[in-house]
């Protein structure tokens, strides 16, 4: 389940809630009961390694790659 961050519009109390996608957003601050707003936060999702583009998607060619071309993909020299 995703984690959502909220901030109180009255007392500035920040808190996190683990909610289902189908759950309604939080509406009250647990500290003072005032209205809250959903915060935008950075994700913990990160892509590392060669990845699907290089291993599964990228067409391989026999032509020599231009200088500065990363990976084994056919790329255009700009």
N, C-alpha and C. Protein backbone atom coordinates (compact mmCIF):
# COMPACT_ATOMS: atom_id res chain seq x y z
N UNK A 1 0.84 -1.18 0.00
CA UNK A 1 0.00 0.00 0.00
C UNK A 1 0.88 1.24 0.00
N UNK A 2 0.47 2.26 -0.71
CA UNK A 2 1.26 3.49 -0.76
C UNK A 2 1.19 4.30 0.54
N UNK A 3 2.21 5.08 0.75
CA UNK A 3 2.30 5.97 1.92
C UNK A 3 2.05 7.40 1.43
N UNK A 4 1.14 8.10 2.09
CA UNK A 4 0.81 9.48 1.73
C UNK A 4 1.19 10.41 2.88
N UNK A 5 1.66 11.58 2.52
CA UNK A 5 2.03 12.59 3.52
C UNK A 5 0.99 13.71 3.50
N UNK A 6 0.63 14.15 4.68
CA UNK A 6 -0.34 15.23 4.85
C UNK A 6 0.24 16.29 5.78
N UNK A 7 -0.28 17.51 5.64
CA UNK A 7 0.13 18.61 6.51
C UNK A 7 -1.12 19.38 6.93
N UNK A 8 -1.20 19.70 8.21
CA UNK A 8 -2.33 20.44 8.75
C UNK A 8 -2.26 21.90 8.29
N UNK A 9 -3.39 22.43 7.88
CA UNK A 9 -3.43 23.83 7.44
C UNK A 9 -3.47 24.80 8.62
N UNK A 10 -3.72 24.29 9.82
CA UNK A 10 -3.81 25.14 11.01
C UNK A 10 -2.55 25.09 11.87
N UNK A 11 -2.17 23.89 12.30
CA UNK A 11 -1.04 23.78 13.24
C UNK A 11 0.26 23.31 12.58
N UNK A 12 0.26 23.09 11.26
CA UNK A 12 1.43 22.64 10.50
C UNK A 12 1.97 21.28 10.93
N UNK A 13 1.14 20.48 11.58
CA UNK A 13 1.55 19.12 11.95
C UNK A 13 1.62 18.28 10.68
N UNK A 14 2.77 17.64 10.44
CA UNK A 14 2.94 16.76 9.28
C UNK A 14 2.86 15.31 9.74
N UNK A 15 2.16 14.49 8.95
CA UNK A 15 2.03 13.07 9.29
C UNK A 15 1.90 12.24 8.03
N UNK A 16 2.13 10.94 8.16
CA UNK A 16 2.04 10.00 7.05
C UNK A 16 0.93 8.99 7.32
N UNK A 17 0.27 8.56 6.25
CA UNK A 17 -0.76 7.53 6.35
C UNK A 17 -0.53 6.49 5.27
N UNK A 18 -0.58 5.22 5.64
CA UNK A 18 -0.53 4.14 4.65
C UNK A 18 -1.97 3.85 4.28
N UNK A 19 -2.31 4.09 3.01
CA UNK A 19 -3.69 3.96 2.56
C UNK A 19 -3.77 3.15 1.27
N UNK A 20 -4.91 2.49 1.07
CA UNK A 20 -5.19 1.84 -0.20
C UNK A 20 -5.49 2.92 -1.23
N UNK A 21 -5.34 2.57 -2.52
CA UNK A 21 -5.69 3.51 -3.57
C UNK A 21 -7.17 3.88 -3.51
N UNK A 22 -7.99 2.95 -3.07
CA UNK A 22 -9.44 3.17 -3.02
C UNK A 22 -9.89 3.95 -1.78
N UNK A 23 -9.01 4.13 -0.78
CA UNK A 23 -9.38 4.87 0.43
C UNK A 23 -9.52 6.37 0.13
N UNK A 24 -10.48 7.03 0.77
CA UNK A 24 -10.58 8.49 0.58
C UNK A 24 -9.40 9.19 1.26
N UNK A 25 -8.98 10.35 0.74
CA UNK A 25 -7.88 11.07 1.38
C UNK A 25 -8.24 11.53 2.79
N UNK A 26 -7.23 11.70 3.62
CA UNK A 26 -7.46 12.20 4.98
C UNK A 26 -8.05 13.60 4.91
N UNK A 27 -8.88 13.93 5.89
CA UNK A 27 -9.50 15.25 5.88
C UNK A 27 -9.26 16.04 7.17
N UNK A 28 -8.89 15.34 8.26
CA UNK A 28 -8.70 16.00 9.55
C UNK A 28 -7.32 15.71 10.14
N UNK A 29 -6.77 16.70 10.79
CA UNK A 29 -5.49 16.57 11.49
C UNK A 29 -5.70 15.73 12.76
N UNK A 30 -4.82 14.73 13.01
CA UNK A 30 -4.97 13.94 14.23
C UNK A 30 -4.63 14.73 15.50
N UNK A 31 -3.93 15.85 15.37
CA UNK A 31 -3.55 16.66 16.53
C UNK A 31 -4.64 17.66 16.93
N UNK A 32 -5.13 18.43 15.93
CA UNK A 32 -6.07 19.51 16.28
C UNK A 32 -7.43 19.40 15.60
N UNK A 33 -7.59 18.49 14.64
CA UNK A 33 -8.87 18.30 13.98
C UNK A 33 -9.14 19.24 12.82
N UNK A 34 -8.20 20.10 12.49
CA UNK A 34 -8.38 21.04 11.38
C UNK A 34 -8.19 20.32 10.04
N UNK A 35 -8.47 21.01 8.96
CA UNK A 35 -8.33 20.45 7.62
C UNK A 35 -6.85 20.20 7.29
N UNK A 36 -6.63 19.20 6.46
CA UNK A 36 -5.26 18.87 6.03
C UNK A 36 -5.16 18.93 4.51
N UNK A 37 -3.94 19.07 4.03
CA UNK A 37 -3.71 19.01 2.59
C UNK A 37 -2.68 17.93 2.31
N UNK A 38 -2.84 17.26 1.17
CA UNK A 38 -1.92 16.20 0.78
C UNK A 38 -0.64 16.83 0.25
N UNK A 39 0.50 16.33 0.71
CA UNK A 39 1.80 16.85 0.30
C UNK A 39 2.33 16.04 -0.88
N UNK A 40 3.16 16.65 -1.68
CA UNK A 40 3.86 15.96 -2.76
C UNK A 40 5.25 15.66 -2.24
N UNK A 41 5.62 14.39 -2.28
CA UNK A 41 6.92 14.00 -1.75
C UNK A 41 7.70 13.20 -2.78
N UNK A 42 8.99 13.10 -2.58
CA UNK A 42 9.81 12.32 -3.50
C UNK A 42 9.58 10.84 -3.28
N UNK A 43 9.76 10.09 -4.32
CA UNK A 43 9.52 8.66 -4.26
C UNK A 43 10.78 7.89 -3.87
N UNK A 44 10.59 6.71 -3.34
CA UNK A 44 11.71 5.86 -2.99
C UNK A 44 12.04 4.91 -4.14
N UNK A 45 11.32 5.02 -5.25
CA UNK A 45 11.50 4.16 -6.41
C UNK A 45 12.73 4.61 -7.18
N UNK A 46 13.61 3.68 -7.49
CA UNK A 46 14.84 4.01 -8.19
C UNK A 46 15.21 2.90 -9.16
N UNK A 47 15.59 3.28 -10.37
CA UNK A 47 16.04 2.31 -11.35
C UNK A 47 17.57 2.28 -11.36
N UNK A 48 18.13 1.09 -11.26
CA UNK A 48 19.59 0.95 -11.24
C UNK A 48 20.00 -0.19 -12.16
N UNK A 49 21.22 -0.16 -12.61
CA UNK A 49 21.73 -1.24 -13.45
C UNK A 49 21.49 -0.97 -14.92
N UNK A 50 21.70 -2.02 -15.73
CA UNK A 50 21.56 -1.89 -17.18
C UNK A 50 20.12 -1.59 -17.59
N UNK A 51 19.18 -2.28 -17.00
CA UNK A 51 17.78 -1.98 -17.25
C UNK A 51 17.22 -2.65 -18.49
N UNK A 52 15.91 -2.54 -18.64
CA UNK A 52 15.20 -3.20 -19.73
C UNK A 52 15.54 -2.61 -21.07
N UNK A 53 15.86 -1.32 -21.17
CA UNK A 53 16.12 -0.70 -22.46
C UNK A 53 17.32 -1.35 -23.13
N UNK A 54 18.37 -1.55 -22.36
CA UNK A 54 19.59 -2.11 -22.94
C UNK A 54 19.46 -3.61 -23.18
N UNK A 55 18.79 -4.33 -22.29
CA UNK A 55 18.75 -5.80 -22.39
C UNK A 55 17.56 -6.34 -23.17
N UNK A 56 16.42 -5.66 -23.18
CA UNK A 56 15.22 -6.24 -23.78
C UNK A 56 14.61 -5.42 -24.91
N UNK A 57 14.87 -4.16 -24.97
CA UNK A 57 14.18 -3.30 -25.92
C UNK A 57 15.09 -2.81 -27.04
N UNK A 58 16.28 -2.45 -26.70
CA UNK A 58 17.20 -1.80 -27.62
C UNK A 58 17.64 -2.74 -28.74
N UNK A 59 17.45 -2.35 -30.01
CA UNK A 59 17.91 -3.20 -31.11
C UNK A 59 19.44 -3.21 -31.19
N UNK A 60 20.01 -4.39 -31.41
CA UNK A 60 21.45 -4.52 -31.54
C UNK A 60 21.81 -4.40 -33.02
N UNK A 61 22.88 -3.74 -33.31
CA UNK A 61 23.33 -3.61 -34.70
C UNK A 61 24.78 -4.03 -34.78
N UNK A 62 25.17 -4.40 -35.96
CA UNK A 62 26.56 -4.79 -36.20
C UNK A 62 27.42 -3.58 -36.55
N UNK A 63 26.80 -2.45 -36.88
CA UNK A 63 27.55 -1.25 -37.24
C UNK A 63 28.28 -0.72 -36.03
N UNK A 64 29.48 -0.18 -36.22
CA UNK A 64 30.21 0.39 -35.08
C UNK A 64 29.46 1.59 -34.53
N UNK A 65 29.47 1.71 -33.23
CA UNK A 65 28.76 2.82 -32.61
C UNK A 65 29.63 4.07 -32.61
N UNK A 66 29.01 5.25 -32.72
CA UNK A 66 29.76 6.50 -32.72
C UNK A 66 30.44 6.74 -31.37
N UNK A 67 31.48 7.54 -31.40
CA UNK A 67 32.17 7.90 -30.16
C UNK A 67 31.19 8.61 -29.23
N UNK A 68 31.20 8.25 -27.96
CA UNK A 68 30.33 8.88 -26.98
C UNK A 68 28.99 8.20 -26.86
N UNK A 69 28.75 7.11 -27.62
CA UNK A 69 27.48 6.39 -27.55
C UNK A 69 27.55 5.41 -26.40
N UNK A 70 26.64 5.49 -25.46
CA UNK A 70 26.64 4.63 -24.29
C UNK A 70 25.91 3.34 -24.57
N UNK A 71 26.32 2.27 -23.95
CA UNK A 71 25.64 0.99 -24.05
C UNK A 71 25.87 0.32 -25.39
N UNK A 72 25.13 -0.73 -25.66
CA UNK A 72 25.27 -1.46 -26.90
C UNK A 72 24.21 -1.11 -27.91
N UNK A 73 23.51 -0.02 -27.74
CA UNK A 73 22.41 0.36 -28.61
C UNK A 73 22.89 1.10 -29.84
N UNK A 74 22.08 1.04 -30.89
CA UNK A 74 22.34 1.86 -32.05
C UNK A 74 21.81 3.25 -31.74
N UNK A 75 22.65 4.22 -31.73
CA UNK A 75 22.19 5.58 -31.43
C UNK A 75 22.69 6.53 -32.50
N UNK A 76 22.06 7.66 -32.62
CA UNK A 76 22.49 8.64 -33.63
C UNK A 76 23.49 9.58 -33.00
N UNK A 77 24.52 9.89 -33.74
CA UNK A 77 25.52 10.85 -33.27
C UNK A 77 24.98 12.25 -33.53
N UNK A 78 24.86 13.02 -32.49
CA UNK A 78 24.32 14.37 -32.63
C UNK A 78 25.42 15.38 -32.46
